[in-house]
């Protein structure tokens, strides 16, 4: 979990308990949980919308390259060079 061991997490919780206090710590944990849940829901919604957009987007295949019509200047220049 973020490269933290069990001992480091316990120390962080004890420091938070001392700084914030036992009465406000549950409220803080609840608000952090709500914030993380909203963030996760927002990112999941964004991923879903992005997936739907990429699926529904229709890409047109490239048109095949067609030779120039007969009788054009490039065709006349080629025949002059070959004669």
N, C-alpha and C. Protein backbone atom coordinates (compact mmCIF):
# COMPACT_ATOMS: atom_id res chain seq x y z
N UNK A 1 0.85 -1.19 0.00
CA UNK A 1 0.00 0.00 0.00
C UNK A 1 0.88 1.23 0.00
N UNK A 2 1.18 1.76 -1.19
CA UNK A 2 2.00 2.96 -1.38
C UNK A 2 3.40 2.80 -0.79
N UNK A 3 3.88 1.59 -0.66
CA UNK A 3 5.21 1.35 -0.13
C UNK A 3 5.29 1.53 1.38
N UNK A 4 4.16 1.61 2.06
CA UNK A 4 4.16 1.76 3.51
C UNK A 4 3.91 0.41 4.16
N UNK A 5 4.65 0.13 5.22
CA UNK A 5 4.44 -1.08 5.97
C UNK A 5 3.39 -0.88 7.05
N UNK A 6 3.11 -1.94 7.75
CA UNK A 6 2.11 -1.90 8.82
C UNK A 6 2.52 -0.93 9.93
N UNK A 7 3.81 -0.93 10.29
CA UNK A 7 4.28 -0.06 11.37
C UNK A 7 4.15 1.42 10.99
N UNK A 8 4.45 1.76 9.76
CA UNK A 8 4.33 3.16 9.34
C UNK A 8 2.89 3.62 9.36
N UNK A 9 1.98 2.75 8.96
CA UNK A 9 0.56 3.12 8.97
C UNK A 9 0.07 3.34 10.40
N UNK A 10 0.50 2.49 11.33
CA UNK A 10 0.12 2.64 12.74
C UNK A 10 0.65 3.97 13.28
N UNK A 11 1.88 4.32 12.96
CA UNK A 11 2.46 5.59 13.43
C UNK A 11 1.69 6.77 12.87
N UNK A 12 1.32 6.72 11.59
CA UNK A 12 0.55 7.80 10.99
C UNK A 12 -0.82 7.93 11.66
N UNK A 13 -1.47 6.81 11.94
CA UNK A 13 -2.77 6.85 12.61
C UNK A 13 -2.66 7.42 14.03
N UNK A 14 -1.60 7.07 14.74
CA UNK A 14 -1.41 7.60 16.11
C UNK A 14 -1.17 9.10 16.06
N UNK A 15 -0.36 9.56 15.13
CA UNK A 15 -0.10 11.00 15.00
C UNK A 15 -1.39 11.73 14.62
N UNK A 16 -2.18 11.15 13.71
CA UNK A 16 -3.45 11.77 13.32
C UNK A 16 -4.39 11.82 14.52
N UNK A 17 -4.40 10.78 15.33
CA UNK A 17 -5.26 10.76 16.52
C UNK A 17 -4.84 11.84 17.51
N UNK A 18 -3.54 12.04 17.66
CA UNK A 18 -3.05 13.07 18.59
C UNK A 18 -3.32 14.48 18.05
N UNK A 19 -3.15 14.69 16.77
CA UNK A 19 -3.33 16.03 16.20
C UNK A 19 -4.80 16.39 16.07
N UNK A 20 -5.58 15.49 15.50
CA UNK A 20 -6.99 15.79 15.21
C UNK A 20 -7.87 15.57 16.43
N UNK A 21 -7.59 14.56 17.16
CA UNK A 21 -8.39 14.26 18.35
C UNK A 21 -9.35 13.11 18.09
N UNK A 22 -9.74 12.42 19.16
CA UNK A 22 -10.60 11.24 19.00
C UNK A 22 -12.03 11.58 18.57
N UNK A 23 -12.49 12.78 18.82
CA UNK A 23 -13.87 13.13 18.47
C UNK A 23 -14.03 13.46 16.99
N UNK A 24 -13.02 14.08 16.40
CA UNK A 24 -13.13 14.51 15.00
C UNK A 24 -12.54 13.49 14.03
N UNK A 25 -11.79 12.52 14.51
CA UNK A 25 -11.17 11.55 13.62
C UNK A 25 -12.19 10.72 12.83
N UNK A 26 -13.29 10.23 13.44
CA UNK A 26 -14.27 9.49 12.63
C UNK A 26 -14.94 10.34 11.54
N UNK A 27 -15.20 11.61 11.87
CA UNK A 27 -15.79 12.51 10.87
C UNK A 27 -14.82 12.75 9.71
N UNK A 28 -13.56 12.89 10.04
CA UNK A 28 -12.55 13.08 9.02
C UNK A 28 -12.44 11.84 8.13
N UNK A 29 -12.45 10.66 8.75
CA UNK A 29 -12.37 9.42 7.98
C UNK A 29 -13.60 9.26 7.07
N UNK A 30 -14.77 9.64 7.58
CA UNK A 30 -15.99 9.54 6.78
C UNK A 30 -15.93 10.49 5.59
N UNK A 31 -15.48 11.70 5.79
CA UNK A 31 -15.41 12.66 4.69
C UNK A 31 -14.34 12.25 3.67
N UNK A 32 -13.23 11.68 4.13
CA UNK A 32 -12.22 11.19 3.20
C UNK A 32 -12.76 10.01 2.38
N UNK A 33 -13.52 9.13 3.03
CA UNK A 33 -14.12 8.01 2.32
C UNK A 33 -15.09 8.48 1.24
N UNK A 34 -15.90 9.48 1.57
CA UNK A 34 -16.84 10.02 0.59
C UNK A 34 -16.09 10.66 -0.58
N UNK A 35 -15.03 11.39 -0.28
CA UNK A 35 -14.26 12.05 -1.33
C UNK A 35 -13.62 11.02 -2.26
N UNK A 36 -13.05 9.96 -1.69
CA UNK A 36 -12.45 8.92 -2.53
C UNK A 36 -13.50 8.20 -3.37
N UNK A 37 -14.68 7.96 -2.80
CA UNK A 37 -15.74 7.29 -3.54
C UNK A 37 -16.23 8.16 -4.69
N UNK A 38 -16.41 9.47 -4.46
CA UNK A 38 -16.83 10.37 -5.53
C UNK A 38 -15.78 10.46 -6.63
N UNK A 39 -14.51 10.48 -6.22
CA UNK A 39 -13.43 10.52 -7.21
C UNK A 39 -13.43 9.25 -8.05
N UNK A 40 -13.61 8.10 -7.41
CA UNK A 40 -13.64 6.84 -8.13
C UNK A 40 -14.83 6.78 -9.08
N UNK A 41 -16.00 7.23 -8.62
CA UNK A 41 -17.18 7.24 -9.49
C UNK A 41 -16.99 8.17 -10.69
N UNK A 42 -16.37 9.31 -10.45
CA UNK A 42 -16.12 10.26 -11.54
C UNK A 42 -15.15 9.67 -12.56
N UNK A 43 -14.08 9.03 -12.10
CA UNK A 43 -13.13 8.44 -13.04
C UNK A 43 -13.74 7.26 -13.78
N UNK A 44 -14.56 6.45 -13.12
CA UNK A 44 -15.23 5.34 -13.79
C UNK A 44 -16.20 5.85 -14.86
N UNK A 45 -16.92 6.93 -14.54
CA UNK A 45 -17.85 7.52 -15.51
C UNK A 45 -17.09 8.07 -16.71
N UNK A 46 -15.96 8.71 -16.45
CA UNK A 46 -15.14 9.25 -17.53
C UNK A 46 -14.61 8.12 -18.41
N UNK A 47 -14.15 7.04 -17.81
CA UNK A 47 -13.66 5.89 -18.58
C UNK A 47 -14.78 5.29 -19.42
N UNK A 48 -15.96 5.17 -18.84
CA UNK A 48 -17.09 4.60 -19.57
C UNK A 48 -17.47 5.48 -20.76
N UNK A 49 -17.52 6.79 -20.55
CA UNK A 49 -17.84 7.70 -21.65
C UNK A 49 -16.78 7.64 -22.74
N UNK A 50 -15.53 7.54 -22.36
CA UNK A 50 -14.45 7.46 -23.33
C UNK A 50 -14.56 6.16 -24.12
N UNK A 51 -14.87 5.05 -23.47
CA UNK A 51 -15.02 3.77 -24.16
C UNK A 51 -16.20 3.82 -25.13
N UNK A 52 -17.30 4.42 -24.72
CA UNK A 52 -18.47 4.52 -25.60
C UNK A 52 -18.15 5.38 -26.81
N UNK A 53 -17.43 6.49 -26.60
CA UNK A 53 -17.08 7.37 -27.71
C UNK A 53 -16.17 6.65 -28.71
N UNK A 54 -15.22 5.88 -28.21
CA UNK A 54 -14.31 5.21 -29.14
C UNK A 54 -15.01 4.08 -29.88
N UNK A 55 -16.00 3.45 -29.27
CA UNK A 55 -16.73 2.37 -29.93
C UNK A 55 -17.65 2.94 -31.00
N UNK A 56 -18.34 4.03 -30.69
CA UNK A 56 -19.33 4.57 -31.62
C UNK A 56 -18.71 5.40 -32.73
N UNK A 57 -17.47 5.81 -32.56
CA UNK A 57 -16.83 6.62 -33.59
C UNK A 57 -16.55 5.74 -34.79
N UNK A 58 -17.06 6.15 -35.92
CA UNK A 58 -16.85 5.39 -37.15
C UNK A 58 -15.71 6.03 -37.92
N UNK A 59 -14.71 5.24 -38.21
CA UNK A 59 -13.60 5.74 -39.00
C UNK A 59 -13.80 5.30 -40.44
N UNK A 60 -13.69 6.26 -41.34
CA UNK A 60 -13.85 5.93 -42.74
C UNK A 60 -12.53 5.38 -43.27
N UNK A 61 -12.59 4.30 -44.03
CA UNK A 61 -11.35 3.74 -44.57
C UNK A 61 -10.78 4.67 -45.63
N UNK A 62 -9.48 4.69 -45.81
CA UNK A 62 -8.90 5.57 -46.83
C UNK A 62 -9.32 5.12 -48.21
N UNK A 63 -9.49 6.10 -49.09
CA UNK A 63 -9.90 5.80 -50.46
C UNK A 63 -8.71 5.24 -51.22
N UNK A 64 -8.95 4.27 -52.10
CA UNK A 64 -7.82 3.73 -52.88
C UNK A 64 -7.33 4.78 -53.88
N UNK A 65 -6.04 4.77 -54.12
CA UNK A 65 -5.46 5.74 -55.03
C UNK A 65 -5.78 5.33 -56.46
N UNK A 66 -6.39 6.24 -57.20
CA UNK A 66 -6.80 5.95 -58.57
C UNK A 66 -5.83 6.61 -59.54
N UNK A 67 -5.56 5.94 -60.66
CA UNK A 67 -4.66 6.56 -61.64
C UNK A 67 -5.35 7.75 -62.29
N UNK A 68 -4.59 8.71 -62.78
CA UNK A 68 -5.21 9.87 -63.44
C UNK A 68 -5.92 9.42 -64.71
N UNK A 69 -6.97 10.13 -65.09
CA UNK A 69 -7.70 9.75 -66.30
C UNK A 69 -6.84 9.91 -67.55
N UNK A 70 -7.13 9.14 -68.57
CA UNK A 70 -6.36 9.16 -69.82
C UNK A 70 -6.56 10.50 -70.52
N UNK A 71 -5.50 10.97 -71.17
CA UNK A 71 -5.58 12.22 -71.91
C UNK A 71 -5.20 13.42 -71.09
N UNK A 72 -4.73 13.25 -69.88
CA UNK A 72 -4.31 14.40 -69.08
C UNK A 72 -2.90 14.78 -69.48
N UNK A 73 -2.41 15.90 -68.97
CA UNK A 73 -1.09 16.39 -69.34
C UNK A 73 0.01 15.46 -68.88
N UNK A 74 -0.14 14.84 -67.71
CA UNK A 74 0.89 13.93 -67.26
C UNK A 74 0.98 12.72 -68.17
N UNK A 75 -0.16 12.29 -68.70
CA UNK A 75 -0.18 11.16 -69.60
C UNK A 75 0.47 11.53 -70.94
N UNK A 76 0.23 12.75 -71.43
CA UNK A 76 0.82 13.22 -72.68
C UNK A 76 2.33 13.39 -72.54
N UNK A 77 2.78 13.88 -71.36
CA UNK A 77 4.21 14.06 -71.14
C UNK A 77 4.91 12.70 -71.10
N UNK A 78 4.28 11.72 -70.55
CA UNK A 78 4.87 10.39 -70.48
C UNK A 78 4.99 9.79 -71.88
N UNK A 79 4.00 10.00 -72.73
CA UNK A 79 4.06 9.44 -74.08
C UNK A 79 5.10 10.17 -74.93
N UNK A 80 5.29 11.49 -74.72
CA UNK A 80 6.30 12.23 -75.46
C UNK A 80 7.69 11.76 -75.08
N UNK A 81 7.90 11.47 -73.79
CA UNK A 81 9.21 11.04 -73.34
C UNK A 81 9.53 9.64 -73.88
N UNK A 82 8.51 8.80 -73.97
CA UNK A 82 8.75 7.43 -74.40
C UNK A 82 8.96 7.33 -75.91
N UNK A 83 8.57 8.36 -76.69
CA UNK A 83 8.72 8.27 -78.14
C UNK A 83 10.00 8.85 -78.62
